[in-house]
Amino acid sequence: MNRRRSTDRHSLRKKLRRIQALHDRATTPGERQAAAAALDRIRDRMERVDEGLPQPEGVITLEELGFTSSEPGYTLPDRAELIAMLLEWSNGDRTARSVGRWASRLVDKLLLPDLPATDPEAIPVEVLLQLSCMRRQPLAVQDIPAMLAFLAAPPDRAAQAWADWFAYVEGVDWRARAS
């Protein structure tokens, strides 16, 4: 049977809702895993559909529209909050998925500062961004010590902390993790 793949956002959203319902009602780990994999495939397909949409000719920044701050009620987490979240994940009190969702929600609601790597406050922003991208670049519990060390770097060692972080990230076999 030759099935036609859905390529418009409306039909993909419908499929996403149906698969999410299957995931929520799953009774075995295998069912949950299969539904989660299907959810990821549909989300990836939705992203590919979005990439094919025409982009506006002129890009207007939020500042040009008068937006200078984040959505009310949302603030950039400080190092202590990020460390607490990582420790909860490490201890099993949170899952990678819940940490990724938390970070993604914050990134979606915040207007993140554009800081140079020499600014020590760029480190928590980097960790938050890495956590928010876990669906694409899956971090694992074994990455937590590297993130904690990165967050614990004193301000006068920020440059070395960045070098260590980049060396760590480059040493991870992301393709092996994705499979």
N, C-alpha and C. Protein backbone atom coordinates (compact mmCIF):
# COMPACT_ATOMS: atom_id res chain seq x y z
N MET A 1 0.84 -1.16 0.00
CA MET A 1 0.00 0.00 0.00
C MET A 1 0.90 1.23 0.00
N ASN A 2 0.61 2.18 -0.85
CA ASN A 2 1.39 3.40 -0.95
C ASN A 2 0.68 4.51 -0.18
N ARG A 3 1.21 4.81 1.01
CA ARG A 3 0.59 5.84 1.82
C ARG A 3 1.19 7.19 1.50
N ARG A 4 0.34 8.19 1.48
CA ARG A 4 0.81 9.55 1.25
C ARG A 4 1.21 10.17 2.58
N ARG A 5 2.37 10.78 2.62
CA ARG A 5 2.84 11.40 3.86
C ARG A 5 2.22 12.78 4.00
N SER A 6 1.80 13.08 5.20
CA SER A 6 1.22 14.41 5.46
C SER A 6 2.32 15.45 5.41
N THR A 7 2.03 16.53 4.72
CA THR A 7 3.05 17.58 4.63
C THR A 7 2.51 18.94 5.01
N ASP A 8 1.23 19.06 5.36
CA ASP A 8 0.75 20.37 5.79
C ASP A 8 0.62 20.40 7.31
N ARG A 9 0.78 21.57 7.88
CA ARG A 9 0.80 21.70 9.34
C ARG A 9 -0.50 21.22 9.99
N HIS A 10 -1.63 21.49 9.36
CA HIS A 10 -2.90 21.11 9.97
C HIS A 10 -2.99 19.59 10.15
N SER A 11 -2.71 18.84 9.10
CA SER A 11 -2.80 17.38 9.22
C SER A 11 -1.72 16.83 10.15
N LEU A 12 -0.56 17.47 10.15
CA LEU A 12 0.50 17.02 11.06
C LEU A 12 0.10 17.28 12.51
N ARG A 13 -0.53 18.43 12.78
CA ARG A 13 -1.00 18.72 14.14
C ARG A 13 -2.04 17.69 14.59
N LYS A 14 -2.95 17.32 13.67
CA LYS A 14 -3.95 16.30 14.00
C LYS A 14 -3.27 14.98 14.36
N LYS A 15 -2.30 14.58 13.55
CA LYS A 15 -1.57 13.34 13.84
C LYS A 15 -0.85 13.45 15.18
N LEU A 16 -0.25 14.60 15.42
CA LEU A 16 0.49 14.81 16.67
C LEU A 16 -0.44 14.63 17.87
N ARG A 17 -1.65 15.21 17.80
CA ARG A 17 -2.60 15.07 18.90
C ARG A 17 -3.01 13.60 19.10
N ARG A 18 -3.24 12.89 18.00
CA ARG A 18 -3.63 11.48 18.11
C ARG A 18 -2.51 10.64 18.72
N ILE A 19 -1.30 10.88 18.26
CA ILE A 19 -0.16 10.11 18.78
C ILE A 19 0.10 10.47 20.24
N GLN A 20 -0.07 11.76 20.60
CA GLN A 20 0.10 12.17 21.99
C GLN A 20 -0.92 11.44 22.87
N ALA A 21 -2.15 11.31 22.39
CA ALA A 21 -3.18 10.58 23.14
C ALA A 21 -2.77 9.11 23.31
N LEU A 22 -2.24 8.51 22.25
CA LEU A 22 -1.76 7.13 22.37
C LEU A 22 -0.64 7.02 23.41
N HIS A 23 0.27 7.98 23.37
CA HIS A 23 1.38 7.99 24.32
C HIS A 23 0.85 8.10 25.75
N ASP A 24 -0.12 9.01 25.95
CA ASP A 24 -0.65 9.23 27.29
C ASP A 24 -1.41 8.01 27.82
N ARG A 25 -2.01 7.21 26.93
CA ARG A 25 -2.77 6.03 27.34
C ARG A 25 -1.95 4.75 27.31
N ALA A 26 -0.70 4.83 26.93
CA ALA A 26 0.14 3.63 26.81
C ALA A 26 0.22 2.92 28.15
N THR A 27 0.19 1.60 28.09
CA THR A 27 0.22 0.81 29.32
C THR A 27 1.53 0.06 29.51
N THR A 28 2.34 -0.01 28.47
CA THR A 28 3.62 -0.72 28.59
C THR A 28 4.75 0.21 28.16
N PRO A 29 5.96 -0.06 28.64
CA PRO A 29 7.10 0.75 28.22
C PRO A 29 7.30 0.73 26.71
N GLY A 30 7.06 -0.42 26.08
CA GLY A 30 7.22 -0.52 24.63
C GLY A 30 6.26 0.38 23.88
N GLU A 31 5.00 0.44 24.35
CA GLU A 31 4.02 1.32 23.72
C GLU A 31 4.42 2.78 23.88
N ARG A 32 4.87 3.13 25.09
CA ARG A 32 5.30 4.51 25.34
C ARG A 32 6.49 4.87 24.46
N GLN A 33 7.43 3.95 24.35
CA GLN A 33 8.62 4.20 23.55
C GLN A 33 8.26 4.36 22.07
N ALA A 34 7.39 3.51 21.57
CA ALA A 34 6.98 3.60 20.17
C ALA A 34 6.24 4.91 19.91
N ALA A 35 5.35 5.29 20.83
CA ALA A 35 4.61 6.54 20.65
C ALA A 35 5.55 7.74 20.74
N ALA A 36 6.53 7.69 21.66
CA ALA A 36 7.49 8.79 21.78
C ALA A 36 8.30 8.93 20.50
N ALA A 37 8.70 7.81 19.92
CA ALA A 37 9.46 7.86 18.66
C ALA A 37 8.59 8.44 17.54
N ALA A 38 7.32 8.05 17.51
CA ALA A 38 6.41 8.60 16.49
C ALA A 38 6.21 10.10 16.69
N LEU A 39 6.10 10.53 17.95
CA LEU A 39 5.97 11.97 18.24
C LEU A 39 7.18 12.73 17.72
N ASP A 40 8.36 12.20 17.96
CA ASP A 40 9.58 12.86 17.48
C ASP A 40 9.61 12.94 15.96
N ARG A 41 9.18 11.86 15.29
CA ARG A 41 9.16 11.88 13.83
C ARG A 41 8.19 12.93 13.30
N ILE A 42 7.01 13.03 13.91
CA ILE A 42 6.03 14.03 13.47
C ILE A 42 6.55 15.44 13.73
N ARG A 43 7.17 15.66 14.90
CA ARG A 43 7.72 16.99 15.20
C ARG A 43 8.83 17.35 14.22
N ASP A 44 9.66 16.38 13.89
CA ASP A 44 10.72 16.64 12.90
C ASP A 44 10.11 17.00 11.55
N ARG A 45 9.05 16.27 11.17
CA ARG A 45 8.40 16.56 9.89
C ARG A 45 7.78 17.96 9.91
N MET A 46 7.21 18.35 11.06
CA MET A 46 6.63 19.70 11.18
C MET A 46 7.72 20.75 11.02
N GLU A 47 8.89 20.50 11.60
CA GLU A 47 9.99 21.45 11.45
C GLU A 47 10.43 21.56 10.00
N ARG A 48 10.47 20.42 9.29
CA ARG A 48 10.84 20.47 7.87
C ARG A 48 9.81 21.24 7.05
N VAL A 49 8.53 21.10 7.40
CA VAL A 49 7.49 21.86 6.71
C VAL A 49 7.69 23.34 6.97
N ASP A 50 7.99 23.70 8.23
CA ASP A 50 8.22 25.11 8.57
C ASP A 50 9.41 25.67 7.82
N GLU A 51 10.46 24.86 7.66
CA GLU A 51 11.64 25.34 6.95
C GLU A 51 11.33 25.66 5.49
N GLY A 52 10.33 25.00 4.92
CA GLY A 52 9.97 25.23 3.53
C GLY A 52 9.08 26.45 3.32
N LEU A 53 8.61 27.06 4.41
CA LEU A 53 7.75 28.23 4.28
C LEU A 53 8.56 29.44 3.83
N PRO A 54 7.96 30.31 3.04
CA PRO A 54 8.69 31.50 2.62
C PRO A 54 8.99 32.39 3.82
N GLN A 55 10.17 32.95 3.83
CA GLN A 55 10.58 33.83 4.91
C GLN A 55 10.32 35.28 4.52
N PRO A 56 10.00 36.12 5.48
CA PRO A 56 9.77 37.53 5.16
C PRO A 56 11.05 38.18 4.64
N GLU A 57 10.87 39.14 3.75
CA GLU A 57 12.03 39.79 3.14
C GLU A 57 12.81 40.61 4.15
N GLY A 58 12.14 41.43 4.92
CA GLY A 58 12.82 42.27 5.90
C GLY A 58 12.66 41.69 7.28
N VAL A 59 13.72 41.56 8.00
CA VAL A 59 13.65 41.03 9.35
C VAL A 59 13.65 42.20 10.32
N ILE A 60 12.66 42.23 11.18
CA ILE A 60 12.54 43.31 12.16
C ILE A 60 12.85 42.71 13.52
N THR A 61 13.69 43.38 14.27
CA THR A 61 14.05 42.87 15.59
C THR A 61 12.97 43.22 16.60
N LEU A 62 12.95 42.50 17.71
CA LEU A 62 12.00 42.79 18.77
C LEU A 62 12.19 44.19 19.32
N GLU A 63 13.44 44.62 19.40
CA GLU A 63 13.73 45.95 19.91
C GLU A 63 13.09 47.02 19.02
N GLU A 64 13.11 46.80 17.70
CA GLU A 64 12.50 47.76 16.78
C GLU A 64 10.99 47.84 16.96
N LEU A 65 10.40 46.77 17.47
CA LEU A 65 8.96 46.76 17.72
C LEU A 65 8.61 47.26 19.11
N GLY A 66 9.62 47.59 19.90
CA GLY A 66 9.38 48.11 21.24
C GLY A 66 9.47 47.08 22.34
N PHE A 67 9.80 45.85 22.02
CA PHE A 67 9.96 44.83 23.05
C PHE A 67 11.39 44.87 23.56
N THR A 68 11.52 45.16 24.84
CA THR A 68 12.87 45.22 25.40
C THR A 68 13.08 44.21 26.52
N SER A 69 12.04 43.51 26.90
CA SER A 69 12.22 42.55 27.98
C SER A 69 11.46 41.27 27.66
N SER A 70 11.61 40.31 28.53
CA SER A 70 10.97 39.02 28.36
C SER A 70 9.51 39.10 28.78
N GLU A 71 8.80 38.00 28.54
CA GLU A 71 7.41 37.93 28.95
C GLU A 71 7.34 38.08 30.46
N PRO A 72 6.36 38.84 30.98
CA PRO A 72 6.27 39.04 32.43
C PRO A 72 6.19 37.71 33.17
N GLY A 73 6.87 37.65 34.30
CA GLY A 73 6.85 36.45 35.12
C GLY A 73 7.95 35.45 34.81
N TYR A 74 8.72 35.70 33.78
CA TYR A 74 9.80 34.80 33.40
C TYR A 74 11.13 35.52 33.53
N THR A 75 12.06 34.86 34.18
CA THR A 75 13.40 35.42 34.30
C THR A 75 14.42 34.35 33.94
N LEU A 76 15.57 34.81 33.53
CA LEU A 76 16.66 33.90 33.21
C LEU A 76 17.09 33.20 34.49
N PRO A 77 17.16 31.87 34.49
CA PRO A 77 17.59 31.19 35.71
C PRO A 77 19.05 31.51 36.02
N ASP A 78 19.34 31.66 37.30
CA ASP A 78 20.73 31.90 37.67
C ASP A 78 21.45 30.56 37.77
N ARG A 79 22.72 30.64 38.07
CA ARG A 79 23.53 29.42 38.16
C ARG A 79 22.97 28.45 39.19
N ALA A 80 22.55 28.98 40.34
CA ALA A 80 22.04 28.11 41.40
C ALA A 80 20.79 27.35 40.95
N GLU A 81 19.90 28.01 40.21
CA GLU A 81 18.69 27.35 39.73
C GLU A 81 19.03 26.27 38.70
N LEU A 82 19.97 26.58 37.81
CA LEU A 82 20.39 25.58 36.83
C LEU A 82 21.06 24.39 37.50
N ILE A 83 21.91 24.66 38.48
CA ILE A 83 22.58 23.59 39.22
C ILE A 83 21.55 22.72 39.93
N ALA A 84 20.55 23.36 40.57
CA ALA A 84 19.50 22.61 41.26
C ALA A 84 18.74 21.71 40.28
N MET A 85 18.41 22.25 39.11
CA MET A 85 17.70 21.46 38.10
C MET A 85 18.55 20.27 37.65
N LEU A 86 19.85 20.51 37.41
CA LEU A 86 20.73 19.42 36.99
C LEU A 86 20.87 18.36 38.07
N LEU A 87 20.93 18.79 39.33
CA LEU A 87 21.04 17.82 40.43
C LEU A 87 19.76 17.00 40.58
N GLU A 88 18.60 17.65 40.38
CA GLU A 88 17.34 16.90 40.42
C GLU A 88 17.32 15.84 39.32
N TRP A 89 17.80 16.22 38.15
CA TRP A 89 17.86 15.26 37.03
C TRP A 89 18.83 14.13 37.38
N SER A 90 19.99 14.49 37.91
CA SER A 90 21.01 13.52 38.26
C SER A 90 20.51 12.52 39.31
N ASN A 91 19.71 13.03 40.26
CA ASN A 91 19.19 12.18 41.34
C ASN A 91 17.97 11.37 40.92
N GLY A 92 17.48 11.59 39.71
CA GLY A 92 16.31 10.86 39.24
C GLY A 92 14.99 11.51 39.60
N ASP A 93 15.03 12.70 40.21
CA ASP A 93 13.79 13.40 40.56
C ASP A 93 13.14 14.04 39.33
N ARG A 94 13.92 14.21 38.28
CA ARG A 94 13.41 14.74 37.01
C ARG A 94 13.94 13.87 35.89
N THR A 95 13.20 13.85 34.79
CA THR A 95 13.66 13.13 33.61
C THR A 95 14.33 14.10 32.65
N ALA A 96 15.08 13.56 31.71
CA ALA A 96 15.69 14.41 30.68
C ALA A 96 14.61 15.17 29.93
N ARG A 97 13.51 14.51 29.68
CA ARG A 97 12.41 15.15 28.95
C ARG A 97 11.85 16.35 29.72
N SER A 98 11.64 16.19 31.04
CA SER A 98 11.08 17.30 31.82
C SER A 98 12.07 18.46 31.90
N VAL A 99 13.35 18.16 32.01
CA VAL A 99 14.37 19.22 32.04
C VAL A 99 14.39 19.94 30.69
N GLY A 100 14.34 19.19 29.60
CA GLY A 100 14.32 19.79 28.28
C GLY A 100 13.10 20.66 28.06
N ARG A 101 11.94 20.19 28.51
CA ARG A 101 10.72 21.00 28.37
C ARG A 101 10.80 22.28 29.19
N TRP A 102 11.29 22.16 30.42
CA TRP A 102 11.46 23.34 31.28
C TRP A 102 12.33 24.37 30.59
N ALA A 103 13.48 23.93 30.09
CA ALA A 103 14.41 24.85 29.42
C ALA A 103 13.80 25.42 28.14
N SER A 104 13.11 24.59 27.38
CA SER A 104 12.49 25.07 26.13
C SER A 104 11.44 26.13 26.41
N ARG A 105 10.63 25.91 27.44
CA ARG A 105 9.61 26.91 27.79
C ARG A 105 10.26 28.24 28.14
N LEU A 106 11.33 28.18 28.93
CA LEU A 106 12.02 29.41 29.30
C LEU A 106 12.60 30.11 28.08
N VAL A 107 13.27 29.36 27.23
CA VAL A 107 13.88 29.95 26.04
C VAL A 107 12.81 30.58 25.15
N ASP A 108 11.64 29.95 25.06
CA ASP A 108 10.55 30.50 24.26
C ASP A 108 9.99 31.79 24.85
N LYS A 109 10.05 31.93 26.17
CA LYS A 109 9.45 33.08 26.83
C LYS A 109 10.43 34.22 27.09
N LEU A 110 11.71 33.92 27.08
CA LEU A 110 12.72 34.92 27.44
C LEU A 110 13.34 35.57 26.22
N LEU A 111 13.71 36.80 26.39
CA LEU A 111 14.55 37.48 25.42
C LEU A 111 15.97 37.33 25.96
N LEU A 112 16.69 36.36 25.43
CA LEU A 112 18.01 36.03 25.98
C LEU A 112 19.02 37.11 25.65
N PRO A 113 19.88 37.41 26.60
CA PRO A 113 20.90 38.43 26.34
C PRO A 113 21.94 37.95 25.34
N ASP A 114 22.42 38.86 24.54
CA ASP A 114 23.48 38.55 23.58
C ASP A 114 24.80 38.93 24.25
N LEU A 115 25.44 37.95 24.86
CA LEU A 115 26.65 38.20 25.63
C LEU A 115 27.86 37.60 24.95
N PRO A 116 28.98 38.28 25.04
CA PRO A 116 30.21 37.66 24.51
C PRO A 116 30.65 36.53 25.43
N ALA A 117 31.37 35.58 24.89
CA ALA A 117 31.83 34.44 25.70
C ALA A 117 32.72 34.88 26.85
N THR A 118 33.31 36.06 26.74
CA THR A 118 34.16 36.55 27.82
C THR A 118 33.34 36.97 29.04
N ASP A 119 32.05 37.18 28.86
CA ASP A 119 31.18 37.57 29.97
C ASP A 119 30.81 36.30 30.75
N PRO A 120 31.12 36.25 32.04
CA PRO A 120 30.81 35.05 32.83
C PRO A 120 29.32 34.70 32.83
N GLU A 121 28.45 35.69 32.62
CA GLU A 121 27.01 35.42 32.61
C GLU A 121 26.55 34.73 31.33
N ALA A 122 27.43 34.58 30.36
CA ALA A 122 27.09 33.84 29.15
C ALA A 122 27.03 32.34 29.42
N ILE A 123 27.70 31.89 30.46
CA ILE A 123 27.75 30.45 30.77
C ILE A 123 26.37 29.90 31.11
N PRO A 124 25.60 30.52 32.04
CA PRO A 124 24.27 29.97 32.30
C PRO A 124 23.34 30.03 31.08
N VAL A 125 23.52 31.05 30.24
CA VAL A 125 22.72 31.14 29.02
C VAL A 125 23.04 29.95 28.11
N GLU A 126 24.31 29.62 27.98
CA GLU A 126 24.72 28.48 27.15
C GLU A 126 24.14 27.17 27.68
N VAL A 127 24.20 26.97 29.00
CA VAL A 127 23.66 25.74 29.58
C VAL A 127 22.15 25.66 29.35
N LEU A 128 21.45 26.77 29.55
CA LEU A 128 20.01 26.79 29.31
C LEU A 128 19.70 26.45 27.84
N LEU A 129 20.45 27.03 26.92
CA LEU A 129 20.23 26.74 25.50
C LEU A 129 20.53 25.27 25.18
N GLN A 130 21.59 24.73 25.75
CA GLN A 130 21.90 23.31 25.53
C GLN A 130 20.77 22.42 26.04
N LEU A 131 20.25 22.74 27.23
CA LEU A 131 19.16 21.94 27.79
C LEU A 131 17.90 22.06 26.94
N SER A 132 17.67 23.24 26.37
CA SER A 132 16.46 23.44 25.57
C SER A 132 16.53 22.70 24.23
N CYS A 133 17.72 22.31 23.82
CA CYS A 133 17.90 21.62 22.52
C CYS A 133 18.03 20.12 22.67
N MET A 134 17.65 19.58 23.80
CA MET A 134 17.91 18.15 24.05
C MET A 134 17.19 17.22 23.09
N ARG A 135 16.11 17.66 22.48
CA ARG A 135 15.45 16.78 21.51
C ARG A 135 16.30 16.59 20.27
N ARG A 136 17.04 17.62 19.91
CA ARG A 136 17.89 17.58 18.73
C ARG A 136 19.29 17.05 19.03
N GLN A 137 19.81 17.46 20.17
CA GLN A 137 21.16 17.07 20.57
C GLN A 137 21.04 16.49 21.98
N PRO A 138 20.76 15.20 22.08
CA PRO A 138 20.37 14.62 23.36
C PRO A 138 21.49 14.60 24.40
N LEU A 139 21.28 15.39 25.44
CA LEU A 139 22.18 15.33 26.58
C LEU A 139 21.75 14.15 27.44
N ALA A 140 22.66 13.66 28.24
CA ALA A 140 22.37 12.50 29.08
C ALA A 140 22.89 12.77 30.48
N VAL A 141 22.50 11.92 31.41
CA VAL A 141 22.93 12.07 32.80
C VAL A 141 24.45 12.15 32.88
N GLN A 142 25.15 11.42 32.01
CA GLN A 142 26.62 11.45 32.07
C GLN A 142 27.20 12.82 31.69
N ASP A 143 26.38 13.71 31.10
CA ASP A 143 26.85 15.05 30.75
C ASP A 143 26.72 16.04 31.91
N ILE A 144 25.98 15.66 32.93
CA ILE A 144 25.72 16.58 34.03
C ILE A 144 27.01 17.06 34.70
N PRO A 145 27.99 16.19 35.01
CA PRO A 145 29.22 16.70 35.65
C PRO A 145 29.91 17.79 34.81
N ALA A 146 29.92 17.64 33.50
CA ALA A 146 30.56 18.66 32.65
C ALA A 146 29.78 19.97 32.72
N MET A 147 28.44 19.89 32.74
CA MET A 147 27.64 21.11 32.84
C MET A 147 27.82 21.76 34.21
N LEU A 148 27.88 20.94 35.26
CA LEU A 148 28.08 21.49 36.60
C LEU A 148 29.44 22.17 36.71
N ALA A 149 30.47 21.56 36.14
CA ALA A 149 31.81 22.17 36.17
C ALA A 149 31.81 23.48 35.39
N PHE A 150 31.13 23.50 34.27
CA PHE A 150 31.02 24.71 33.45
C PHE A 150 30.34 25.83 34.24
N LEU A 151 29.23 25.49 34.92
CA LEU A 151 28.50 26.48 35.71
C LEU A 151 29.28 26.94 36.94
N ALA A 152 30.13 26.07 37.48
CA ALA A 152 30.88 26.40 38.70
C ALA A 152 32.14 27.21 38.43
N ALA A 153 32.44 27.44 37.18
CA ALA A 153 33.68 28.18 36.85
C ALA A 153 33.64 29.58 37.44
N PRO A 154 34.71 29.98 38.13
CA PRO A 154 34.77 31.35 38.65
C PRO A 154 34.88 32.35 37.49
N PRO A 155 34.41 33.57 37.70
CA PRO A 155 34.41 34.57 36.62
C PRO A 155 35.77 34.78 35.96
N ASP A 156 36.85 34.71 36.73
CA ASP A 156 38.17 34.93 36.15
C ASP A 156 38.67 33.73 35.34
N ARG A 157 37.92 32.62 35.34
CA ARG A 157 38.29 31.42 34.58
C ARG A 157 37.28 31.12 33.47
N ALA A 158 36.48 32.12 33.10
CA ALA A 158 35.42 31.91 32.09
C ALA A 158 36.00 31.44 30.76
N ALA A 159 37.09 32.03 30.33
CA ALA A 159 37.68 31.64 29.03
C ALA A 159 38.09 30.17 29.04
N GLN A 160 38.71 29.72 30.12
CA GLN A 160 39.11 28.31 30.22
C GLN A 160 37.88 27.41 30.32
N ALA A 161 36.85 27.87 31.04
CA ALA A 161 35.62 27.09 31.17
C ALA A 161 34.98 26.88 29.80
N TRP A 162 34.97 27.93 28.98
CA TRP A 162 34.42 27.80 27.62
C TRP A 162 35.25 26.81 26.80
N ALA A 163 36.55 26.91 26.90
CA ALA A 163 37.42 25.99 26.14
C ALA A 163 37.16 24.55 26.58
N ASP A 164 37.04 24.33 27.89
CA ASP A 164 36.77 22.99 28.41
C ASP A 164 35.40 22.49 27.93
N TRP A 165 34.41 23.39 27.96
CA TRP A 165 33.06 23.02 27.54
C TRP A 165 33.04 22.62 26.06
N PHE A 166 33.66 23.46 25.23
CA PHE A 166 33.67 23.15 23.79
C PHE A 166 34.42 21.84 23.52
N ALA A 167 35.50 21.60 24.24
CA ALA A 167 36.24 20.35 24.07
C ALA A 167 35.35 19.16 24.47
N TYR A 168 34.60 19.33 25.55
CA TYR A 168 33.71 18.25 25.98
C TYR A 168 32.64 17.98 24.92
N VAL A 169 31.98 19.05 24.46
CA VAL A 169 30.90 18.90 23.47
C VAL A 169 31.41 18.28 22.18
N GLU A 170 32.59 18.69 21.75
CA GLU A 170 33.17 18.13 20.52
C GLU A 170 33.54 16.66 20.69
N GLY A 171 33.79 16.24 21.92
CA GLY A 171 34.17 14.85 22.16
C GLY A 171 33.00 13.89 22.26
N VAL A 172 31.77 14.41 22.29
CA VAL A 172 30.59 13.56 22.39
C VAL A 172 30.22 13.03 21.01
N ASP A 173 29.91 11.75 20.93
CA ASP A 173 29.47 11.15 19.67
C ASP A 173 27.94 11.30 19.58
N TRP A 174 27.48 12.44 19.05
CA TRP A 174 26.06 12.76 19.00
C TRP A 174 25.29 11.78 18.12
N ARG A 175 25.90 11.33 17.05
CA ARG A 175 25.20 10.37 16.16
C ARG A 175 24.92 9.06 16.88
N ALA A 176 25.88 8.61 17.66
CA ALA A 176 25.67 7.36 18.40
C ALA A 176 24.55 7.52 19.42
N ARG A 177 24.46 8.69 20.03
CA ARG A 177 23.41 8.93 21.01
C ARG A 177 22.04 9.00 20.37
N ALA A 178 21.98 9.54 19.19
CA ALA A 178 20.69 9.71 18.51
C ALA A 178 20.10 8.38 18.07
N SER A 179 20.94 7.37 17.92
CA SER A 179 20.41 6.08 17.43
C SER A 179 20.06 5.14 18.55
